[in-house]
C-alpha atoms as a PDB file:
ATOM      1  CA  UNK A   1      98.215 158.119  92.395  1.00  0.00           C
ATOM      2  CA  UNK A   2      96.323 158.035  95.884  1.00  0.00           C
ATOM      3  CA  UNK A   3      93.600 160.010  97.549  1.00  0.00           C
ATOM      4  CA  UNK A   4      92.027 160.038 100.894  1.00  0.00           C
ATOM      5  CA  UNK A   5      87.903 159.797 100.958  1.00  0.00           C
ATOM      6  CA  UNK A   6      85.553 160.440 103.403  1.00  0.00           C
ATOM      7  CA  UNK A   7      82.032 158.455 103.292  1.00  0.00           C
ATOM      8  CA  UNK A   8      79.298 161.122 103.860  1.00  0.00           C
ATOM      9  CA  UNK A   9      76.037 160.896 105.588  1.00  0.00           C
ATOM     10  CA  UNK A  10      74.529 159.329 102.724  1.00  0.00           C
ATOM     11  CA  UNK A  11      76.904 156.609 102.128  1.00  0.00           C
ATOM     12  CA  UNK A  12      78.622 158.605  99.231  1.00  0.00           C
ATOM     13  CA  UNK A  13      82.173 158.865  98.180  1.00  0.00           C
ATOM     14  CA  UNK A  14      83.501 161.760  96.492  1.00  0.00           C
ATOM     15  CA  UNK A  15      86.299 161.003  94.154  1.00  0.00           C
ATOM     16  CA  UNK A  16      88.473 164.171  93.428  1.00  0.00           C
ATOM     17  CA  UNK A  17      88.424 165.801  89.934  1.00  0.00           C
ATOM     18  CA  UNK A  18      92.482 165.298  89.634  1.00  0.00           C
ATOM     19  CA  UNK A  19      91.778 161.237  90.093  1.00  0.00           C
ATOM     20  CA  UNK A  20      88.796 161.150  87.732  1.00  0.00           C
ATOM     21  CA  UNK A  21      90.783 163.081  85.029  1.00  0.00           C
ATOM     22  CA  UNK A  22      93.609 160.721  85.529  1.00  0.00           C
ATOM     23  CA  UNK A  23      91.426 157.806  84.976  1.00  0.00           C
ATOM     24  CA  UNK A  24      89.634 159.445  82.148  1.00  0.00           C
ATOM     25  CA  UNK A  25      86.098 159.112  83.946  1.00  0.00           C
ATOM     26  CA  UNK A  26      83.527 161.366  83.398  1.00  0.00           C
ATOM     27  CA  UNK A  27      79.696 162.042  84.404  1.00  0.00           C
ATOM     28  CA  UNK A  28      77.347 159.094  84.538  1.00  0.00           C
ATOM     29  CA  UNK A  29      80.309 156.604  84.181  1.00  0.00           C
ATOM     30  CA  UNK A  30      79.270 153.426  85.719  1.00  0.00           C
ATOM     31  CA  UNK A  31      81.922 151.484  88.094  1.00  0.00           C
ATOM     32  CA  UNK A  32      82.007 147.950  89.445  1.00  0.00           C
ATOM     33  CA  UNK A  33      83.432 147.624  92.911  1.00  0.00           C
ATOM     34  CA  UNK A  34      85.303 144.659  94.144  1.00  0.00           C
ATOM     35  CA  UNK A  35      85.929 144.173  97.841  1.00  0.00           C
ATOM     36  CA  UNK A  36      89.589 142.102  98.278  1.00  0.00           C
ATOM     37  CA  UNK A  37      90.356 141.567 101.684  1.00  0.00           C
ATOM     38  CA  UNK A  38      90.650 145.104 103.437  1.00  0.00           C
ATOM     39  CA  UNK A  39      90.683 146.895  99.810  1.00  0.00           C
ATOM     40  CA  UNK A  40      87.990 148.207  97.604  1.00  0.00           C
ATOM     41  CA  UNK A  41      88.824 147.936  93.691  1.00  0.00           C
ATOM     42  CA  UNK A  42      86.572 150.091  91.467  1.00  0.00           C
ATOM     43  CA  UNK A  43      86.450 149.025  87.681  1.00  0.00           C
ATOM     44  CA  UNK A  44      85.105 151.094  84.852  1.00  0.00           C
ATOM     45  CA  UNK A  45      82.226 149.159  83.279  1.00  0.00           C
ATOM     46  CA  UNK A  46      81.864 149.541  79.529  1.00  0.00           C
ATOM     47  CA  UNK A  47      78.076 148.811  78.855  1.00  0.00           C
ATOM     48  CA  UNK A  48      76.897 147.665  75.485  1.00  0.00           C
ATOM     49  CA  UNK A  49      73.675 148.811  74.289  1.00  0.00           C
ATOM     50  CA  UNK A  50      70.763 146.284  74.482  1.00  0.00           C
ATOM     51  CA  UNK A  51      68.725 147.818  71.505  1.00  0.00           C
ATOM     52  CA  UNK A  52      69.923 149.155  68.303  1.00  0.00           C
ATOM     53  CA  UNK A  53      69.130 152.606  67.358  1.00  0.00           C
ATOM     54  CA  UNK A  54      66.382 151.224  64.734  1.00  0.00           C
ATOM     55  CA  UNK A  55      64.974 149.115  67.446  1.00  0.00           C
ATOM     56  CA  UNK A  56      64.535 152.202  69.795  1.00  0.00           C
ATOM     57  CA  UNK A  57      63.091 154.349  67.041  1.00  0.00           C
ATOM     58  CA  UNK A  58      60.520 151.349  66.367  1.00  0.00           C
ATOM     59  CA  UNK A  59      59.775 151.294  69.980  1.00  0.00           C
ATOM     60  CA  UNK A  60      59.215 155.046  69.882  1.00  0.00           C
ATOM     61  CA  UNK A  61      56.601 154.411  67.206  1.00  0.00           C
ATOM     62  CA  UNK A  62      54.804 151.517  68.887  1.00  0.00           C
ATOM     63  CA  UNK A  63      54.683 153.492  72.055  1.00  0.00           C
ATOM     64  CA  UNK A  64      52.851 156.385  70.150  1.00  0.00           C
ATOM     65  CA  UNK A  65      50.607 153.895  68.884  1.00  0.00           C
ATOM     66  CA  UNK A  66      49.652 152.325  71.934  1.00  0.00           C
ATOM     67  CA  UNK A  67      49.284 155.614  73.904  1.00  0.00           C
ATOM     68  CA  UNK A  68      46.585 156.392  71.231  1.00  0.00           C
ATOM     69  CA  UNK A  69      44.562 153.557  72.234  1.00  0.00           C
ATOM     70  CA  UNK A  70      45.196 154.488  76.187  1.00  0.00           C
ATOM     71  CA  UNK A  71      47.955 155.078  78.252  1.00  0.00           C
ATOM     72  CA  UNK A  72      50.656 152.374  78.693  1.00  0.00           C
ATOM     73  CA  UNK A  73      53.078 151.856  81.207  1.00  0.00           C
ATOM     74  CA  UNK A  74      57.030 150.729  80.419  1.00  0.00           C
ATOM     75  CA  UNK A  75      58.768 150.000  83.694  1.00  0.00           C
ATOM     76  CA  UNK A  76      60.933 147.062  82.737  1.00  0.00           C
ATOM     77  CA  UNK A  77      62.950 145.476  80.058  1.00  0.00           C
ATOM     78  CA  UNK A  78      60.302 142.935  79.508  1.00  0.00           C
ATOM     79  CA  UNK A  79      57.930 145.403  78.758  1.00  0.00           C
ATOM     80  CA  UNK A  80      60.009 146.700  76.156  1.00  0.00           C
ATOM     81  CA  UNK A  81      60.600 143.414  74.890  1.00  0.00           C
ATOM     82  CA  UNK A  82      56.866 142.564  74.703  1.00  0.00           C
ATOM     83  CA  UNK A  83      56.356 145.755  72.580  1.00  0.00           C
ATOM     84  CA  UNK A  84      59.390 144.786  70.215  1.00  0.00           C
ATOM     85  CA  UNK A  85      58.188 141.052  69.832  1.00  0.00           C
END
């Protein structure tokens, strides 16, 4: 299957719905792009969760406890790891 795409003013590409259905790609799917010569290759990326649901629930409880002491900011994975240790 082939499609002709146009890069818009914001450097976005619009992938046609028919192509997305053909590749079984949906909303918020992450793709890796590789440049090979004069071609772009888009590859779906399957992400594995970094934290278990149990860890996320614990983080919610820790964050709620910390908020009672005063507002805290979580900006990076290191901030989350610090709370989980």
